[in-house]
Amino acid sequence: MAVKLNKKAFDHAKELIKDSKFVLDSRDDWSEHAPSTQDQNKFLDKKGSAEYSAWFLGIDDEHPEGQKGRYKFPYGDFKRIHRCAVISAESRASQYDYDDIRRALGDLLQQLDEH
């Protein structure tokens, strides 16, 4: 599996922080704050894969464009970036040795914590 950093999503996340569109929630809140499968499907159907992909810091090139499995490491709820999602994704990226994604998430976490 070749998962690489989604630079478009990284830029999108930085813009959300710059525009104060974030939630400074606790580490373990992501299980409650993450969009449901139904919400993900609705967003993908309504907005398309280009906008959907902007909410995931990893792209798995073994999956075709538009397929949900292509997008890894979510960081928000399609409205705001969530600190808990960034922490969760950073931990997973580190676990799987996706260093470029882990560094990007660490950068986002630092920006969030500065607020």
PDB file of N, CA and C in Angstrom:
ATOM      1  N   MET A   1       0.845  -1.167   0.000  1.00  0.00           N
ATOM      2  CA  MET A   1       0.000   0.000   0.000  1.00  0.00           C
ATOM      3  C   MET A   1       0.895   1.237   0.000  1.00  0.00           C
ATOM      4  N   ALA A   2       0.643   2.123  -0.922  1.00  0.00           N
ATOM      5  CA  ALA A   2       1.409   3.362  -1.012  1.00  0.00           C
ATOM      6  C   ALA A   2       0.523   4.529  -0.581  1.00  0.00           C
ATOM      7  N   VAL A   3       0.628   4.892   0.683  1.00  0.00           N
ATOM      8  CA  VAL A   3      -0.142   6.014   1.203  1.00  0.00           C
ATOM      9  C   VAL A   3       0.795   7.211   1.269  1.00  0.00           C
ATOM     10  N   LYS A   4       0.353   8.308   0.669  1.00  0.00           N
ATOM     11  CA  LYS A   4       1.182   9.514   0.645  1.00  0.00           C
ATOM     12  C   LYS A   4       0.392  10.700   1.171  1.00  0.00           C
ATOM     13  N   LEU A   5       1.123  11.745   1.502  1.00  0.00           N
ATOM     14  CA  LEU A   5       0.507  12.965   2.020  1.00  0.00           C
ATOM     15  C   LEU A   5      -0.353  13.620   0.952  1.00  0.00           C
ATOM     16  N   ASN A   6      -1.559  13.983   1.340  1.00  0.00           N
ATOM     17  CA  ASN A   6      -2.471  14.728   0.482  1.00  0.00           C
ATOM     18  C   ASN A   6      -2.223  16.216   0.750  1.00  0.00           C
ATOM     19  N   LYS A   7      -1.390  16.827  -0.087  1.00  0.00           N
ATOM     20  CA  LYS A   7      -0.988  18.222   0.127  1.00  0.00           C
ATOM     21  C   LYS A   7      -2.174  19.178   0.042  1.00  0.00           C
ATOM     22  N   LYS A   8      -3.137  18.870  -0.805  1.00  0.00           N
ATOM     23  CA  LYS A   8      -4.341  19.706  -0.910  1.00  0.00           C
ATOM     24  C   LYS A   8      -5.088  19.714   0.428  1.00  0.00           C
ATOM     25  N   ALA A   9      -5.196  18.563   1.056  1.00  0.00           N
ATOM     26  CA  ALA A   9      -5.882  18.470   2.348  1.00  0.00           C
ATOM     27  C   ALA A   9      -5.085  19.178   3.439  1.00  0.00           C
ATOM     28  N   PHE A  10      -3.767  19.064   3.387  1.00  0.00           N
ATOM     29  CA  PHE A  10      -2.917  19.741   4.361  1.00  0.00           C
ATOM     30  C   PHE A  10      -3.103  21.253   4.256  1.00  0.00           C
ATOM     31  N   ASP A  11      -3.115  21.772   3.047  1.00  0.00           N
ATOM     32  CA  ASP A  11      -3.351  23.208   2.840  1.00  0.00           C
ATOM     33  C   ASP A  11      -4.747  23.610   3.309  1.00  0.00           C
ATOM     34  N   HIS A  12      -5.719  22.749   3.034  1.00  0.00           N
ATOM     35  CA  HIS A  12      -7.098  23.016   3.468  1.00  0.00           C
ATOM     36  C   HIS A  12      -7.179  23.088   4.992  1.00  0.00           C
ATOM     37  N   ALA A  13      -6.531  22.165   5.664  1.00  0.00           N
ATOM     38  CA  ALA A  13      -6.542  22.135   7.129  1.00  0.00           C
ATOM     39  C   ALA A  13      -5.896  23.398   7.694  1.00  0.00           C
ATOM     40  N   LYS A  14      -4.788  23.836   7.101  1.00  0.00           N
ATOM     41  CA  LYS A  14      -4.125  25.053   7.572  1.00  0.00           C
ATOM     42  C   LYS A  14      -5.032  26.276   7.381  1.00  0.00           C
ATOM     43  N   GLU A  15      -5.770  26.304   6.281  1.00  0.00           N
ATOM     44  CA  GLU A  15      -6.712  27.402   6.048  1.00  0.00           C
ATOM     45  C   GLU A  15      -7.838  27.396   7.078  1.00  0.00           C
ATOM     46  N   LEU A  16      -8.329  26.205   7.416  1.00  0.00           N
ATOM     47  CA  LEU A  16      -9.372  26.111   8.434  1.00  0.00           C
ATOM     48  C   LEU A  16      -8.890  26.671   9.767  1.00  0.00           C
ATOM     49  N   ILE A  17      -7.660  26.349  10.133  1.00  0.00           N
ATOM     50  CA  ILE A  17      -7.102  26.865  11.384  1.00  0.00           C
ATOM     51  C   ILE A  17      -6.968  28.384  11.304  1.00  0.00           C
ATOM     52  N   LYS A  18      -6.445  28.861  10.185  1.00  0.00           N
ATOM     53  CA  LYS A  18      -6.281  30.305   9.983  1.00  0.00           C
ATOM     54  C   LYS A  18      -7.620  31.028  10.106  1.00  0.00           C
ATOM     55  N   ASP A  19      -8.695  30.396   9.622  1.00  0.00           N
ATOM     56  CA  ASP A  19     -10.035  30.985   9.663  1.00  0.00           C
ATOM     57  C   ASP A  19     -10.797  30.655  10.954  1.00  0.00           C
ATOM     58  N   SER A  20     -10.093  30.085  11.927  1.00  0.00           N
ATOM     59  CA  SER A  20     -10.676  29.721  13.235  1.00  0.00           C
ATOM     60  C   SER A  20     -11.832  28.734  13.108  1.00  0.00           C
ATOM     61  N   LYS A  21     -11.743  27.836  12.144  1.00  0.00           N
ATOM     62  CA  LYS A  21     -12.762  26.799  11.970  1.00  0.00           C
ATOM     63  C   LYS A  21     -12.216  25.486  12.528  1.00  0.00           C
ATOM     64  N   PHE A  22     -12.148  25.442  13.860  1.00  0.00           N
ATOM     65  CA  PHE A  22     -11.606  24.263  14.522  1.00  0.00           C
ATOM     66  C   PHE A  22     -12.295  24.055  15.856  1.00  0.00           C
ATOM     67  N   VAL A  23     -12.138  22.845  16.378  1.00  0.00           N
ATOM     68  CA  VAL A  23     -12.660  22.471  17.689  1.00  0.00           C
ATOM     69  C   VAL A  23     -11.473  21.979  18.510  1.00  0.00           C
ATOM     70  N   LEU A  24     -11.249  22.602  19.651  1.00  0.00           N
ATOM     71  CA  LEU A  24     -10.153  22.194  20.529  1.00  0.00           C
ATOM     72  C   LEU A  24     -10.679  21.180  21.547  1.00  0.00           C
ATOM     73  N   ASP A  25     -11.017  20.019  21.036  1.00  0.00           N
ATOM     74  CA  ASP A  25     -11.593  18.977  21.873  1.00  0.00           C
ATOM     75  C   ASP A  25     -10.505  18.090  22.464  1.00  0.00           C
ATOM     76  N   SER A  26     -10.923  17.154  23.285  1.00  0.00           N
ATOM     77  CA  SER A  26      -9.994  16.271  23.992  1.00  0.00           C
ATOM     78  C   SER A  26      -9.597  15.087  23.138  1.00  0.00           C
ATOM     79  N   ARG A  27      -8.490  14.517  23.486  1.00  0.00           N
ATOM     80  CA  ARG A  27      -7.860  13.433  22.743  1.00  0.00           C
ATOM     81  C   ARG A  27      -8.820  12.306  22.361  1.00  0.00           C
ATOM     82  N   ASP A  28      -9.663  11.889  23.267  1.00  0.00           N
ATOM     83  CA  ASP A  28     -10.505  10.713  23.041  1.00  0.00           C
ATOM     84  C   ASP A  28     -11.888  11.039  22.478  1.00  0.00           C
ATOM     85  N   ASP A  29     -12.124  12.263  22.062  1.00  0.00           N
ATOM     86  CA  ASP A  29     -13.448  12.664  21.580  1.00  0.00           C
ATOM     87  C   ASP A  29     -13.743  12.262  20.138  1.00  0.00           C
ATOM     88  N   TRP A  30     -12.753  11.850  19.387  1.00  0.00           N
ATOM     89  CA  TRP A  30     -12.955  11.601  17.959  1.00  0.00           C
ATOM     90  C   TRP A  30     -14.001  10.528  17.691  1.00  0.00           C
ATOM     91  N   SER A  31     -14.086   9.520  18.533  1.00  0.00           N
ATOM     92  CA  SER A  31     -15.086   8.465  18.306  1.00  0.00           C
ATOM     93  C   SER A  31     -16.506   9.028  18.339  1.00  0.00           C
ATOM     94  N   GLU A  32     -16.708  10.098  19.087  1.00  0.00           N
ATOM     95  CA  GLU A  32     -18.026  10.739  19.147  1.00  0.00           C
ATOM     96  C   GLU A  32     -18.192  11.833  18.096  1.00  0.00           C
ATOM     97  N   HIS A  33     -17.099  12.471  17.702  1.00  0.00           N
ATOM     98  CA  HIS A  33     -17.167  13.613  16.795  1.00  0.00           C
ATOM     99  C   HIS A  33     -16.978  13.245  15.319  1.00  0.00           C
ATOM    100  N   ALA A  34     -16.463  12.072  15.061  1.00  0.00           N
ATOM    101  CA  ALA A  34     -16.218  11.658  13.673  1.00  0.00           C
ATOM    102  C   ALA A  34     -17.538  11.529  12.912  1.00  0.00           C
ATOM    103  N   PRO A  35     -17.541  11.950  11.648  1.00  0.00           N
ATOM    104  CA  PRO A  35     -18.760  11.788  10.843  1.00  0.00           C
ATOM    105  C   PRO A  35     -19.105  10.301  10.695  1.00  0.00           C
ATOM    106  N   SER A  36     -20.382  10.008  10.763  1.00  0.00           N
ATOM    107  CA  SER A  36     -20.835   8.627  10.578  1.00  0.00           C
ATOM    108  C   SER A  36     -20.624   8.214   9.122  1.00  0.00           C
ATOM    109  N   THR A  37     -20.717   6.937   8.871  1.00  0.00           N
ATOM    110  CA  THR A  37     -20.624   6.441   7.497  1.00  0.00           C
ATOM    111  C   THR A  37     -21.698   7.086   6.637  1.00  0.00           C
ATOM    112  N   GLN A  38     -22.880   7.234   7.188  1.00  0.00           N
ATOM    113  CA  GLN A  38     -23.981   7.868   6.462  1.00  0.00           C
ATOM    114  C   GLN A  38     -23.643   9.323   6.132  1.00  0.00           C
ATOM    115  N   ASP A  39     -23.077  10.049   7.088  1.00  0.00           N
ATOM    116  CA  ASP A  39     -22.681  11.442   6.844  1.00  0.00           C
ATOM    117  C   ASP A  39     -21.577  11.523   5.785  1.00  0.00           C
ATOM    118  N   GLN A  40     -20.635  10.592   5.846  1.00  0.00           N
ATOM    119  CA  GLN A  40     -19.568  10.561   4.841  1.00  0.00           C
ATOM    120  C   GLN A  40     -20.142  10.326   3.444  1.00  0.00           C
ATOM    121  N   ASN A  41     -21.058   9.365   3.343  1.00  0.00           N
ATOM    122  CA  ASN A  41     -21.663   9.054   2.044  1.00  0.00           C
ATOM    123  C   ASN A  41     -22.463  10.240   1.497  1.00  0.00           C
ATOM    124  N   LYS A  42     -23.200  10.910   2.372  1.00  0.00           N
ATOM    125  CA  LYS A  42     -23.972  12.087   1.955  1.00  0.00           C
ATOM    126  C   LYS A  42     -23.048  13.183   1.438  1.00  0.00           C
ATOM    127  N   PHE A  43     -21.969  13.443   2.177  1.00  0.00           N
ATOM    128  CA  PHE A  43     -21.030  14.482   1.769  1.00  0.00           C
ATOM    129  C   PHE A  43     -20.394  14.132   0.431  1.00  0.00           C
ATOM    130  N   LEU A  44     -19.972  12.895   0.282  1.00  0.00           N
ATOM    131  CA  LEU A  44     -19.347  12.446  -0.966  1.00  0.00           C
ATOM    132  C   LEU A  44     -20.322  12.555  -2.129  1.00  0.00           C
ATOM    133  N   ASP A  45     -21.559  12.140  -1.931  1.00  0.00           N
ATOM    134  CA  ASP A  45     -22.570  12.224  -2.996  1.00  0.00           C
ATOM    135  C   ASP A  45     -22.876  13.676  -3.370  1.00  0.00           C
ATOM    136  N   LYS A  46     -22.954  14.531  -2.366  1.00  0.00           N
ATOM    137  CA  LYS A  46     -23.338  15.926  -2.598  1.00  0.00           C
ATOM    138  C   LYS A  46     -22.185  16.763  -3.154  1.00  0.00           C
ATOM    139  N   LYS A  47     -20.997  16.597  -2.601  1.00  0.00           N
ATOM    140  CA  LYS A  47     -19.866  17.466  -2.932  1.00  0.00           C
ATOM    141  C   LYS A  47     -18.875  16.863  -3.925  1.00  0.00           C
ATOM    142  N   GLY A  48     -18.865  15.536  -4.041  1.00  0.00           N
ATOM    143  CA  GLY A  48     -17.932  14.882  -4.954  1.00  0.00           C
ATOM    144  C   GLY A  48     -16.609  14.534  -4.289  1.00  0.00           C
ATOM    145  N   SER A  49     -15.816  13.742  -4.986  1.00  0.00           N
ATOM    146  CA  SER A  49     -14.581  13.215  -4.400  1.00  0.00           C
ATOM    147  C   SER A  49     -13.511  14.281  -4.196  1.00  0.00           C
ATOM    148  N   ALA A  50     -13.506  15.326  -5.012  1.00  0.00           N
ATOM    149  CA  ALA A  50     -12.486  16.367  -4.842  1.00  0.00           C
ATOM    150  C   ALA A  50     -12.636  17.064  -3.490  1.00  0.00           C
ATOM    151  N   GLU A  51     -13.855  17.446  -3.132  1.00  0.00           N
ATOM    152  CA  GLU A  51     -14.075  18.101  -1.837  1.00  0.00           C
ATOM    153  C   GLU A  51     -13.966  17.095  -0.687  1.00  0.00           C
ATOM    154  N   TYR A  52     -14.431  15.882  -0.925  1.00  0.00           N
ATOM    155  CA  TYR A  52     -14.342  14.837   0.101  1.00  0.00           C
ATOM    156  C   TYR A  52     -12.874  14.581   0.458  1.00  0.00           C
ATOM    157  N   SER A  53     -12.017  14.479  -0.551  1.00  0.00           N
ATOM    158  CA  SER A  53     -10.609  14.158  -0.320  1.00  0.00           C
ATOM    159  C   SER A  53      -9.880  15.245   0.463  1.00  0.00           C
ATOM    160  N   ALA A  54     -10.397  16.474   0.427  1.00  0.00           N
ATOM    161  CA  ALA A  54      -9.763  17.579   1.141  1.00  0.00           C
ATOM    162  C   ALA A  54      -9.828  17.414   2.657  1.00  0.00           C
ATOM    163  N   TRP A  55     -10.572  16.444   3.136  1.00  0.00           N
ATOM    164  CA  TRP A  55     -10.714  16.205   4.569  1.00  0.00           C
ATOM    165  C   TRP A  55      -9.891  15.020   5.057  1.00  0.00           C
ATOM    166  N   PHE A  56      -8.977  14.528   4.219  1.00  0.00           N
ATOM    167  CA  PHE A  56      -8.157  13.363   4.552  1.00  0.00           C
ATOM    168  C   PHE A  56      -6.711  13.648   4.189  1.00  0.00           C
ATOM    169  N   LEU A  57      -5.802  13.480   5.157  1.00  0.00           N
ATOM    170  CA  LEU A  57      -4.401  13.817   4.912  1.00  0.00           C
ATOM    171  C   LEU A  57      -3.624  12.736   4.192  1.00  0.00           C
ATOM    172  N   GLY A  58      -4.211  11.575   3.992  1.00  0.00           N
ATOM    173  CA  GLY A  58      -3.522  10.514   3.271  1.00  0.00           C
ATOM    174  C   GLY A  58      -4.304  10.058   2.057  1.00  0.00           C
ATOM    175  N   ILE A  59      -3.558   9.726   1.009  1.00  0.00           N
ATOM    176  CA  ILE A  59      -4.152   9.164  -0.205  1.00  0.00           C
ATOM    177  C   ILE A  59      -3.473   7.822  -0.465  1.00  0.00           C
ATOM    178  N   ASP A  60      -4.288   6.790  -0.607  1.00  0.00           N
ATOM    179  CA  ASP A  60      -3.804   5.448  -0.918  1.00  0.00           C
ATOM    180  C   ASP A  60      -3.972   5.236  -2.419  1.00  0.00           C
ATOM    181  N   ASP A  61      -2.866   5.247  -3.145  1.00  0.00           N
ATOM    182  CA  ASP A  61      -2.954   5.178  -4.605  1.00  0.00           C
ATOM    183  C   ASP A  61      -3.290   3.784  -5.137  1.00  0.00           C
ATOM    184  N   GLU A  62      -3.489   2.832  -4.243  1.00  0.00           N
ATOM    185  CA  GLU A  62      -3.933   1.507  -4.684  1.00  0.00           C
ATOM    186  C   GLU A  62      -5.442   1.458  -4.906  1.00  0.00           C
ATOM    187  N   HIS A  63      -6.131   2.496  -4.473  1.00  0.00           N
ATOM    188  CA  HIS A  63      -7.582   2.604  -4.670  1.00  0.00           C
ATOM    189  C   HIS A  63      -7.855   3.680  -5.712  1.00  0.00           C
ATOM    190  N   PRO A  64      -8.851   3.483  -6.548  1.00  0.00           N
ATOM    191  CA  PRO A  64      -9.148   4.481  -7.583  1.00  0.00           C
ATOM    192  C   PRO A  64      -9.748   5.761  -7.004  1.00  0.00           C
ATOM    193  N   GLU A  65      -9.608   6.855  -7.749  1.00  0.00           N
ATOM    194  CA  GLU A  65     -10.212   8.139  -7.365  1.00  0.00           C
ATOM    195  C   GLU A  65     -11.703   7.952  -7.143  1.00  0.00           C
ATOM    196  N   GLY A  66     -12.212   8.650  -6.138  1.00  0.00           N
ATOM    197  CA  GLY A  66     -13.637   8.613  -5.856  1.00  0.00           C
ATOM    198  C   GLY A  66     -14.063   7.491  -4.940  1.00  0.00           C
ATOM    199  N   GLN A  67     -13.208   6.497  -4.746  1.00  0.00           N
ATOM    200  CA  GLN A  67     -13.536   5.387  -3.847  1.00  0.00           C
ATOM    201  C   GLN A  67     -13.131   5.775  -2.430  1.00  0.00           C
ATOM    202  N   LYS A  68     -14.023   5.598  -1.469  1.00  0.00           N
ATOM    203  CA  LYS A  68     -13.756   6.024  -0.097  1.00  0.00           C
ATOM    204  C   LYS A  68     -12.474   5.424   0.469  1.00  0.00           C
ATOM    205  N   GLY A  69     -12.139   4.214   0.097  1.00  0.00           N
ATOM    206  CA  GLY A  69     -10.938   3.563   0.610  1.00  0.00           C
ATOM    207  C   GLY A  69      -9.650   4.253   0.212  1.00  0.00           C
ATOM    208  N   ARG A  70      -9.713   5.140  -0.754  1.00  0.00           N
ATOM    209  CA  ARG A  70      -8.527   5.877  -1.212  1.00  0.00           C
ATOM    210  C   ARG A  70      -8.074   6.910  -0.174  1.00  0.00           C
ATOM    211  N   TYR A  71      -8.990   7.368   0.656  1.00  0.00           N
ATOM    212  CA  TYR A  71      -8.720   8.493   1.541  1.00  0.00           C
ATOM    213  C   TYR A  71      -8.526   8.027   2.980  1.00  0.00           C
ATOM    214  N   LYS A  72      -7.399   8.394   3.563  1.00  0.00           N
ATOM    215  CA  LYS A  72      -7.000   7.956   4.904  1.00  0.00           C
ATOM    216  C   LYS A  72      -6.707   9.178   5.781  1.00  0.00           C
ATOM    217  N   PHE A  73      -6.747   8.994   7.061  1.00  0.00           N
ATOM    218  CA  PHE A  73      -6.378   9.987   8.055  1.00  0.00           C
ATOM    219  C   PHE A  73      -7.284  11.226   8.018  1.00  0.00           C
ATOM    220  N   PRO A  74      -8.557  11.034   8.381  1.00  0.00           N
ATOM    221  CA  PRO A  74      -9.472  12.177   8.456  1.00  0.00           C
ATOM    222  C   PRO A  74      -9.067  13.109   9.593  1.00  0.00           C
ATOM    223  N   TYR A  75      -9.345  14.386   9.413  1.00  0.00           N
ATOM    224  CA  TYR A  75      -8.977  15.353  10.447  1.00  0.00           C
ATOM    225  C   TYR A  75     -10.133  16.278  10.844  1.00  0.00           C
ATOM    226  N   GLY A  76     -11.329  16.044  10.322  1.00  0.00           N
ATOM    227  CA  GLY A  76     -12.437  16.910  10.671  1.00  0.00           C
ATOM    228  C   GLY A  76     -13.787  16.319  10.329  1.00  0.00           C
ATOM    229  N   ASP A  77     -14.817  17.150  10.518  1.00  0.00           N
ATOM    230  CA  ASP A  77     -16.195  16.699  10.367  1.00  0.00           C
ATOM    231  C   ASP A  77     -16.888  17.286   9.131  1.00  0.00           C
ATOM    232  N   PHE A  78     -16.103  17.709   8.144  1.00  0.00           N
ATOM    233  CA  PHE A  78     -16.577  18.339   6.908  1.00  0.00           C
ATOM    234  C   PHE A  78     -17.014  19.785   7.113  1.00  0.00           C
ATOM    235  N   LYS A  79     -16.800  20.309   8.326  1.00  0.00           N
ATOM    236  CA  LYS A  79     -17.073  21.716   8.610  1.00  0.00           C
ATOM    237  C   LYS A  79     -15.877  22.358   9.298  1.00  0.00           C
ATOM    238  N   ARG A  80     -15.302  21.611  10.262  1.00  0.00           N
ATOM    239  CA  ARG A  80     -14.206  22.125  11.075  1.00  0.00           C
ATOM    240  C   ARG A  80     -13.169  21.042  11.308  1.00  0.00           C
ATOM    241  N   ILE A  81     -11.945  21.480  11.542  1.00  0.00           N
ATOM    242  CA  ILE A  81     -10.891  20.561  11.937  1.00  0.00           C
ATOM    243  C   ILE A  81     -11.071  20.268  13.436  1.00  0.00           C
ATOM    244  N   HIS A  82     -10.850  19.035  13.822  1.00  0.00           N
ATOM    245  CA  HIS A  82     -10.975  18.639  15.232  1.00  0.00           C
ATOM    246  C   HIS A  82      -9.607  18.233  15.765  1.00  0.00           C
ATOM    247  N   ARG A  83      -9.242  18.815  16.881  1.00  0.00           N
ATOM    248  CA  ARG A  83      -7.965  18.479  17.513  1.00  0.00           C
ATOM    249  C   ARG A  83      -7.883  16.980  17.805  1.00  0.00           C
ATOM    250  N   CYS A  84      -8.982  16.396  18.257  1.00  0.00           N
ATOM    251  CA  CYS A  84      -8.983  14.967  18.590  1.00  0.00           C
ATOM    252  C   CYS A  84      -8.715  14.108  17.349  1.00  0.00           C
ATOM    253  N   ALA A  85      -9.194  14.534  16.199  1.00  0.00           N
ATOM    254  CA  ALA A  85      -8.954  13.789  14.954  1.00  0.00           C
ATOM    255  C   ALA A  85      -7.493  13.876  14.559  1.00  0.00           C
ATOM    256  N   VAL A  86      -6.906  15.053  14.736  1.00  0.00           N
ATOM    257  CA  VAL A  86      -5.490  15.242  14.404  1.00  0.00           C
ATOM    258  C   VAL A  86      -4.623  14.360  15.292  1.00  0.00           C
ATOM    259  N   ILE A  87      -4.922  14.320  16.579  1.00  0.00           N
ATOM    260  CA  ILE A  87      -4.164  13.484  17.512  1.00  0.00           C
ATOM    261  C   ILE A  87      -4.302  12.010  17.143  1.00  0.00           C
ATOM    262  N   SER A  88      -5.517  11.586  16.878  1.00  0.00           N
ATOM    263  CA  SER A  88      -5.762  10.189  16.514  1.00  0.00           C
ATOM    264  C   SER A  88      -5.025   9.814  15.227  1.00  0.00           C
ATOM    265  N   ALA A  89      -5.112  10.684  14.245  1.00  0.00           N
ATOM    266  CA  ALA A  89      -4.458  10.413  12.957  1.00  0.00           C
ATOM    267  C   ALA A  89      -2.935  10.423  13.106  1.00  0.00           C
ATOM    268  N   GLU A  90      -2.416  11.329  13.915  1.00  0.00           N
ATOM    269  CA  GLU A  90      -0.966  11.389  14.116  1.00  0.00           C
ATOM    270  C   GLU A  90      -0.456  10.084  14.732  1.00  0.00           C
ATOM    271  N   SER A  91      -1.196   9.565  15.686  1.00  0.00           N
ATOM    272  CA  SER A  91      -0.818   8.306  16.328  1.00  0.00           C
ATOM    273  C   SER A  91      -0.817   7.156  15.314  1.00  0.00           C
ATOM    274  N   ARG A  92      -1.853   7.095  14.484  1.00  0.00           N
ATOM    275  CA  ARG A  92      -1.934   6.033  13.473  1.00  0.00           C
ATOM    276  C   ARG A  92      -0.851   6.180  12.416  1.00  0.00           C
ATOM    277  N   ALA A  93      -0.572   7.395  11.994  1.00  0.00           N
ATOM    278  CA  ALA A  93       0.469   7.620  10.986  1.00  0.00           C
ATOM    279  C   ALA A  93       1.827   7.184  11.525  1.00  0.00           C
ATOM    280  N   SER A  94       2.070   7.474  12.785  1.00  0.00           N
ATOM    281  CA  SER A  94       3.318   7.058  13.416  1.00  0.00           C
ATOM    282  C   SER A  94       3.407   5.536  13.506  1.00  0.00           C
ATOM    283  N   GLN A  95       2.302   4.914  13.861  1.00  0.00           N
ATOM    284  CA  GLN A  95       2.244   3.451  13.991  1.00  0.00           C
ATOM    285  C   GLN A  95       2.591   2.760  12.673  1.00  0.00           C
ATOM    286  N   TYR A  96       2.168   3.349  11.548  1.00  0.00           N
ATOM    287  CA  TYR A  96       2.390   2.737  10.234  1.00  0.00           C
ATOM    288  C   TYR A  96       3.565   3.341   9.476  1.00  0.00           C
ATOM    289  N   ASP A  97       4.367   4.155  10.164  1.00  0.00           N
ATOM    290  CA  ASP A  97       5.569   4.763   9.580  1.00  0.00           C
ATOM    291  C   ASP A  97       5.296   5.624   8.356  1.00  0.00           C
ATOM    292  N   TYR A  98       4.200   6.366   8.380  1.00  0.00           N
ATOM    293  CA  TYR A  98       3.920   7.356   7.337  1.00  0.00           C
ATOM    294  C   TYR A  98       4.457   8.691   7.840  1.00  0.00           C
ATOM    295  N   ASP A  99       5.765   8.852   7.735  1.00  0.00           N
ATOM    296  CA  ASP A  99       6.438   9.974   8.370  1.00  0.00           C
ATOM    297  C   ASP A  99       6.005  11.330   7.834  1.00  0.00           C
ATOM    298  N   ASP A 100       5.780  11.435   6.522  1.00  0.00           N
ATOM    299  CA  ASP A 100       5.380  12.736   5.979  1.00  0.00           C
ATOM    300  C   ASP A 100       3.991  13.130   6.491  1.00  0.00           C
ATOM    301  N   ILE A 101       3.107  12.167   6.626  1.00  0.00           N
ATOM    302  CA  ILE A 101       1.766  12.435   7.152  1.00  0.00           C
ATOM    303  C   ILE A 101       1.844  12.755   8.643  1.00  0.00           C
ATOM    304  N   ARG A 102       2.653  12.012   9.370  1.00  0.00           N
ATOM    305  CA  ARG A 102       2.827  12.257  10.812  1.00  0.00           C
ATOM    306  C   ARG A 102       3.376  13.661  11.052  1.00  0.00           C
ATOM    307  N   ARG A 103       4.360  14.079  10.257  1.00  0.00           N
ATOM    308  CA  ARG A 103       4.925  15.422  10.419  1.00  0.00           C
ATOM    309  C   ARG A 103       3.878  16.500  10.127  1.00  0.00           C
ATOM    310  N   ALA A 104       3.096  16.294   9.076  1.00  0.00           N
ATOM    311  CA  ALA A 104       2.043  17.264   8.733  1.00  0.00           C
ATOM    312  C   ALA A 104       1.027  17.364   9.874  1.00  0.00           C
ATOM    313  N   LEU A 105       0.637  16.235  10.420  1.00  0.00           N
ATOM    314  CA  LEU A 105      -0.318  16.232  11.526  1.00  0.00           C
ATOM    315  C   LEU A 105       0.279  16.887  12.767  1.00  0.00           C
ATOM    316  N   GLY A 106       1.556  16.639  13.016  1.00  0.00           N
ATOM    317  CA  GLY A 106       2.232  17.293  14.136  1.00  0.00           C
ATOM    318  C   GLY A 106       2.239  18.800  13.970  1.00  0.00           C
ATOM    319  N   ASP A 107       2.445  19.262  12.744  1.00  0.00           N
ATOM    320  CA  ASP A 107       2.410  20.693  12.450  1.00  0.00           C
ATOM    321  C   ASP A 107       1.019  21.263  12.719  1.00  0.00           C
ATOM    322  N   LEU A 108      -0.013  20.547  12.270  1.00  0.00           N
ATOM    323  CA  LEU A 108      -1.386  21.000  12.505  1.00  0.00           C
ATOM    324  C   LEU A 108      -1.699  21.047  14.000  1.00  0.00           C
ATOM    325  N   LEU A 109      -1.264  20.024  14.720  1.00  0.00           N
ATOM    326  CA  LEU A 109      -1.509  19.980  16.163  1.00  0.00           C
ATOM    327  C   LEU A 109      -0.827  21.159  16.858  1.00  0.00           C
ATOM    328  N   GLN A 110       0.370  21.463  16.450  1.00  0.00           N
ATOM    329  CA  GLN A 110       1.081  22.603  17.030  1.00  0.00           C
ATOM    330  C   GLN A 110       0.324  23.905  16.757  1.00  0.00           C
ATOM    331  N   GLN A 111      -0.166  24.066  15.530  1.00  0.00           N
ATOM    332  CA  GLN A 111      -0.922  25.267  15.199  1.00  0.00           C
ATOM    333  C   GLN A 111      -2.209  25.349  16.035  1.00  0.00           C
ATOM    334  N   LEU A 112      -2.874  24.225  16.206  1.00  0.00           N
ATOM    335  CA  LEU A 112      -4.090  24.213  17.017  1.00  0.00           C
ATOM    336  C   LEU A 112      -3.791  24.563  18.476  1.00  0.00           C
ATOM    337  N   ASP A 113      -2.723  23.988  19.005  1.00  0.00           N
ATOM    338  CA  ASP A 113      -2.393  24.197  20.407  1.00  0.00           C
ATOM    339  C   ASP A 113      -1.923  25.623  20.689  1.00  0.00           C
ATOM    340  N   GLU A 114      -1.504  26.330  19.656  1.00  0.00           N
ATOM    341  CA  GLU A 114      -1.107  27.724  19.832  1.00  0.00           C
ATOM    342  C   GLU A 114      -2.319  28.626  20.013  1.00  0.00           C
ATOM    343  N   HIS A 115      -3.500  28.128  19.724  1.00  0.00           N
ATOM    344  CA  HIS A 115      -4.718  28.946  19.874  1.00  0.00           C
ATOM    345  C   HIS A 115      -5.249  28.833  21.262  1.00  0.00           C
TER     346      HIS A 115
END
